[in-house]
Amino acid sequence: MNPTPELSTPERIQKRSGYQSLQPVTRPDYWGVDLDPSRRPGVPMMRENPQPWPNTRFPPERQPGEPTSPMHGRPNKTMPPVFGTAVPLRGLSGAIRRFAYSYPDHYPSHWFLKMLGDRVDFWSYRARRVLPVVVPFAVLGFLGGLVRR
């Protein structure tokens, strides 16, 4: 028994998946919230034109002094108006970070050296914290070994 083929009608063709994109899209109630400004969640706080808030200094003043970290590897890239002066570069980690700034910041070597400087800084901090406790015991152990001989 051969089933009889169904005849295609325009309505049946439009119900197939390829034609469903031609149907009008049903959208949720919140669709197009940004079209009507009164329905936006930040309406009471919105401002017409971007302006600085009252009691602000605009444009930001440049911080006095020299940056403690070296300049970027790209000469045309300036430091931001506010840079950190609280922790100057020092020790081995500072030397590694200074060397990292000799590379442009789009090179992976720049970031790997900065991470290495952070790790060296961390381990030097740990060593400074542990050495006052460990050194007396090491000296006692060394002197005890000399006394025993």
Foldseek 3Di string as FASTA:
>chain_A
DDDDDDDDDPVNVCPDPVNVVVDDDDDDPCPPLVVDLVSDPCNVVDDDDDDDDPPDDPPDAADDDDALADAALDPVDGDPSDHDPPDHQDDPLSVLLNVLRVDHPVDVSSVVSNVVSVVVVVVVVVCVVCVVPVVVVVVVVVVVVVVVD
